[in-house]
Protein backbone atom coordinates (compact mmCIF):
# COMPACT_ATOMS: atom_id res chain seq x y z
CA MET A 1 9.15 -5.84 -7.53
CA ASN A 2 9.64 -5.56 -3.95
CA ILE A 3 7.45 -7.68 -1.73
CA ALA A 4 6.88 -7.62 2.02
CA ILE A 5 5.29 -10.41 4.07
CA CYS A 6 4.07 -9.26 7.65
CA GLU A 7 3.69 -12.76 9.45
CA ASP A 8 4.59 -13.44 12.99
CA ASN A 9 4.72 -17.14 12.22
CA GLU A 10 8.17 -17.78 10.93
CA MET A 11 7.38 -21.16 9.29
CA GLU A 12 4.23 -19.79 7.55
CA ALA A 13 6.02 -16.68 6.34
CA VAL A 14 8.97 -18.76 4.78
CA GLN A 15 6.42 -21.11 3.17
CA LEU A 16 4.37 -18.23 1.89
CA LYS A 17 7.67 -16.63 0.52
CA LEU A 18 8.50 -19.96 -1.37
CA GLU A 19 5.15 -20.24 -2.79
CA ILE A 20 5.01 -16.63 -4.00
CA GLU A 21 8.34 -17.33 -5.68
CA ASN A 22 6.87 -20.40 -7.41
CA TYR A 23 3.48 -19.09 -8.45
CA MET A 24 4.13 -15.40 -9.32
CA PRO A 25 3.47 -15.01 -13.17
CA LYS A 26 6.61 -14.99 -15.23
CA SER A 27 6.09 -11.38 -16.34
CA ILE A 28 6.71 -10.26 -13.07
CA VAL A 29 10.46 -9.98 -11.98
CA ILE A 30 10.74 -10.28 -8.14
CA SER A 31 13.61 -8.05 -6.70
CA ASP A 32 13.17 -9.03 -2.95
CA ILE A 33 10.75 -10.71 -0.76
CA ASP A 34 11.14 -9.43 2.92
CA ILE A 35 9.78 -11.07 5.85
CA PHE A 36 8.70 -8.99 9.01
CA ASN A 37 7.49 -10.62 12.33
CA ASP A 38 5.64 -7.43 13.49
CA ALA A 39 4.04 -4.25 12.18
CA ALA A 40 6.50 -1.98 13.87
CA SER A 41 9.54 -3.32 11.92
CA PHE A 42 7.64 -3.19 8.61
CA LEU A 43 6.35 0.24 9.05
CA GLY A 44 10.00 1.44 9.90
CA SER A 45 11.42 -0.04 6.82
CA LYS A 46 12.41 2.73 4.41
CA LYS A 47 12.11 0.29 1.16
CA VAL A 48 9.17 0.94 -1.10
CA TYR A 49 7.09 -2.32 -1.58
CA ASP A 50 4.85 -3.19 -4.51
CA LEU A 51 2.99 -6.01 -2.74
CA VAL A 52 2.44 -6.38 0.90
CA VAL A 53 0.98 -9.49 2.51
CA PHE A 54 -0.53 -8.82 5.92
CA ASP A 55 -1.57 -11.43 8.50
CA CYS A 56 -4.57 -10.05 9.96
CA SER A 57 -3.32 -10.83 13.43
CA LEU A 58 0.16 -9.51 14.27
CA PRO A 59 1.69 -9.47 17.79
CA ASP A 60 1.82 -5.50 18.04
CA MET A 61 -1.41 -4.57 16.05
CA ASP A 62 -3.89 -6.11 13.68
CA GLY A 63 -2.93 -6.34 10.00
CA VAL A 64 -5.76 -3.99 8.88
CA SER A 65 -4.51 -1.13 11.18
CA ALA A 66 -0.92 -1.68 9.92
CA ALA A 67 -2.21 -1.54 6.46
CA LYS A 68 -4.06 1.68 7.13
CA LEU A 69 -0.91 3.25 8.40
CA TYR A 70 1.17 1.94 5.35
CA ARG A 71 -1.35 3.36 2.90
CA LYS A 72 -0.41 6.90 4.31
CA LYS A 73 3.26 6.13 3.15
CA ASN A 74 2.51 4.43 0.04
CA PRO A 75 -0.92 4.90 -1.43
CA VAL A 76 -0.28 2.69 -4.57
CA ALA A 77 0.98 -0.54 -2.89
CA VAL A 78 -1.11 -3.69 -3.54
CA ILE A 79 -2.34 -5.37 -0.39
CA ILE A 80 -3.29 -8.77 0.21
CA PHE A 81 -4.51 -10.16 3.67
CA VAL A 82 -4.20 -13.73 5.10
CA THR A 83 -6.23 -14.77 8.07
CA ALA A 84 -7.41 -17.83 9.89
CA PHE A 85 -10.61 -15.94 10.94
CA ILE A 86 -13.23 -15.18 8.27
CA GLU A 87 -14.65 -12.25 10.48
CA TYR A 88 -11.47 -10.29 9.60
CA ALA A 89 -12.45 -10.24 5.91
CA THR A 90 -14.72 -7.26 6.19
CA GLY A 91 -11.96 -4.69 7.63
CA GLY A 92 -9.93 -4.06 4.32
CA TYR A 93 -12.22 -2.19 2.28
CA GLU A 94 -10.73 1.26 3.57
CA VAL A 95 -7.35 0.08 2.10
CA GLU A 96 -8.69 -1.25 -1.06
CA ALA A 97 -7.26 -4.88 -0.42
CA LEU A 98 -6.81 -7.04 -3.56
CA ARG A 99 -7.70 -10.46 -1.87
CA TYR A 100 -8.41 -11.93 1.53
CA LEU A 101 -6.67 -15.50 1.71
CA LEU A 102 -7.98 -17.89 4.37
CA LYS A 103 -5.35 -20.12 6.13
CA PRO A 104 -4.35 -22.73 5.42
CA ILE A 105 -3.76 -20.91 2.03
CA SER A 106 -4.57 -23.19 -0.96
CA LYS A 107 -1.94 -22.91 -3.90
CA GLU A 108 -4.85 -22.37 -6.19
CA LYS A 109 -6.19 -19.35 -4.27
CA LEU A 110 -2.71 -17.80 -3.99
CA SER A 111 -2.10 -18.39 -7.68
CA GLU A 112 -5.36 -16.56 -8.43
CA ALA A 113 -4.33 -13.60 -6.23
CA LEU A 114 -1.03 -13.30 -7.93
CA ILE A 115 -2.76 -13.30 -11.33
CA ALA A 116 -4.89 -10.66 -10.02
CA PHE A 117 -1.76 -8.68 -8.82
CA GLU A 118 -0.23 -8.96 -12.26
CA ASN A 119 -3.31 -7.63 -14.10
CA LYS A 120 -3.65 -4.73 -11.55
CA ILE A 121 -0.08 -3.66 -12.04
CA ARG A 122 -0.48 -3.85 -15.91
CA SER A 123 -3.40 -1.32 -15.65
CA GLU A 124 -3.13 2.20 -14.56
CA CYS A 125 -1.10 3.15 -11.40
CA MET A 126 -0.41 6.39 -9.72
CA VAL A 127 3.07 7.89 -9.66
CA GLU A 128 4.17 10.45 -7.01
CA ILE A 129 5.74 13.74 -8.46
CA ARG A 130 7.54 15.90 -5.98
CA GLY A 131 7.73 19.31 -7.45
CA GLN A 132 8.42 22.76 -5.87
CA HIS A 133 5.43 22.49 -3.81
CA GLU A 134 3.53 19.69 -2.07
CA PRO A 135 3.81 16.13 -3.48
CA TYR A 136 1.13 15.03 -5.67
CA TYR A 137 0.00 12.06 -7.91
CA VAL A 138 -0.38 11.79 -11.78
CA LYS A 139 -1.71 8.86 -13.70
CA SER A 140 1.04 6.78 -15.16
CA THR A 141 -0.80 6.77 -18.52
CA ASP A 142 -0.28 10.54 -18.61
CA ILE A 143 3.52 10.24 -18.47
CA MET A 144 5.15 9.97 -21.86
CA TYR A 145 8.90 9.74 -20.45
CA ILE A 146 10.98 10.68 -17.44
CA GLU A 147 14.56 12.09 -18.21
CA SER A 148 17.46 12.88 -16.00
CA VAL A 149 19.09 16.20 -17.13
CA GLY A 150 21.92 17.27 -14.98
CA ARG A 151 20.70 17.47 -11.45
CA ARG A 152 17.06 17.87 -12.59
CA THR A 153 14.50 15.26 -13.30
CA ILE A 154 11.95 16.14 -16.04
CA VAL A 155 8.57 14.27 -16.13
CA ARG A 156 7.15 14.59 -19.59
CA LEU A 157 3.31 14.65 -19.41
CA GLU A 158 0.89 14.79 -22.30
CA ASP A 159 0.20 18.41 -21.47
CA GLY A 160 3.54 19.78 -20.54
CA ASP A 161 6.74 19.07 -18.54
CA VAL A 162 7.04 19.08 -14.81
CA GLU A 163 10.38 19.34 -12.86
CA SER A 164 10.73 16.82 -9.95
CA HIS A 165 13.09 16.78 -7.08
CA LYS A 166 13.03 12.86 -7.15
CA SER A 167 15.98 11.32 -8.91
CA LEU A 168 15.51 9.10 -11.84
CA ALA A 169 16.54 6.22 -9.66
CA ALA A 170 13.89 6.89 -7.34
CA PHE A 171 11.32 6.81 -10.05
CA GLU A 172 12.66 3.65 -11.49
CA GLN A 173 12.41 1.89 -8.12
CA GLU A 174 8.74 3.12 -7.46
CA ILE A 175 7.12 2.65 -10.79
CA ARG A 176 5.67 -0.84 -11.03
CA CYS A 177 3.76 -0.35 -14.31
CA THR A 178 4.98 -2.69 -16.87
CA ALA A 179 4.56 -0.18 -19.58
CA PHE A 180 7.71 1.64 -18.46
CA PHE A 181 11.21 0.67 -19.43
CA LYS A 182 14.63 2.30 -18.79
CA THR A 183 16.02 2.66 -22.40
CA ARG A 184 19.29 4.23 -21.31
CA ARG A 185 20.91 5.58 -18.21
CA GLN A 186 19.06 8.82 -17.99
CA PHE A 187 15.64 7.98 -19.67
CA ILE A 188 12.65 5.94 -18.84
CA VAL A 189 9.98 5.68 -21.49
CA ASN A 190 6.24 4.85 -21.45
CA MET A 191 5.74 2.32 -24.19
CA LYS A 192 2.25 3.54 -24.65
CA TYR A 193 3.35 6.56 -26.41
CA ILE A 194 5.76 4.80 -28.99
CA ARG A 195 4.36 5.10 -32.51
CA LYS A 196 7.06 3.07 -34.15
CA LYS A 197 10.52 1.59 -33.52
CA GLU A 198 13.44 1.41 -35.96
CA GLY A 199 16.64 -0.24 -34.92
CA ASN A 200 17.47 1.52 -31.65
CA GLU A 201 15.31 4.67 -32.37
CA LEU A 202 12.00 5.26 -30.77
CA TYR A 203 9.44 7.59 -32.37
CA PHE A 204 6.69 8.97 -30.22
CA GLN A 205 3.14 9.93 -31.05
CA ASN A 206 3.82 13.55 -30.82
CA GLY A 207 7.04 13.40 -33.15
CA GLU A 208 9.69 13.27 -30.46
CA ARG A 209 12.46 10.77 -30.62
CA ALA A 210 14.54 8.74 -28.21
CA THR A 211 17.38 6.08 -28.43
CA ILE A 212 17.76 2.80 -26.64
CA SER A 213 21.19 1.89 -25.50
CA ARG A 214 22.86 -1.02 -27.32
CA ARG A 215 23.19 -3.05 -24.27
CA ARG A 216 19.53 -2.72 -23.61
CA LEU A 217 18.15 -3.22 -26.90
CA ALA A 218 17.41 -6.97 -26.63
CA GLU A 219 15.75 -6.65 -23.37
CA PHE A 220 13.67 -3.72 -24.66
CA ASN A 221 12.55 -5.73 -27.70
CA GLU A 222 11.34 -8.64 -25.55
CA LYS A 223 9.54 -6.36 -23.13
CA TYR A 224 8.04 -4.25 -25.89
CA ALA A 225 6.72 -7.44 -27.66
CA SER A 226 5.22 -8.61 -24.32
CA TYR A 227 3.72 -4.98 -23.94
CA LEU A 228 2.09 -5.25 -27.37
CA LYS A 229 0.75 -8.55 -26.85
CA PHE A 230 -1.40 -7.43 -23.96
CA ASN A 231 -2.08 -3.91 -25.21
CA GLY A 232 -1.73 -3.94 -28.91
């Protein structure tokens, strides 16, 4: 998971980063937490973020306006606002903010927000497909698996295949849903569609099969057990 903190107060930003690391639920693996001191530097970043924490008052624009601009680039990111002024708490409905946290941020409220983040990404998310025409989004629950075949990437949906111009690595970076797992170098599977597992063989509900690489088998077993615990 990539997380961005847009906060012009450096001390508050560093403290928030440490608390997110401490209070993030254990099921969420954090890759990077990046701090931005203004909206322009954040909006100029090419990295895809799963969670963005905006201060409502940034030096170059307000956080809600920055969030609206980011929504155009990344419609599935989870957004949390932090503010010292309660009147800002009415402006985030347009960007579907997960939470508003009032400063000074209590550890209890931050923990509740991070648990809500965990619950949200466990549920359905949207995945961008870049086909031959305009980009469009599909429900993650409709994807059975994603496979790299030569220079092509095939997205296997319940109702057929779609060829995408995105690389498998791009899908791996962008899909934050915990049901997905990279079983081998060229294959990402949605655990929702697994009917049974025998050794390193997976059997899908439609009769298709896939293999898990030996080096990824132990990690898969752990993640699949966790998936079944919450979704079984």
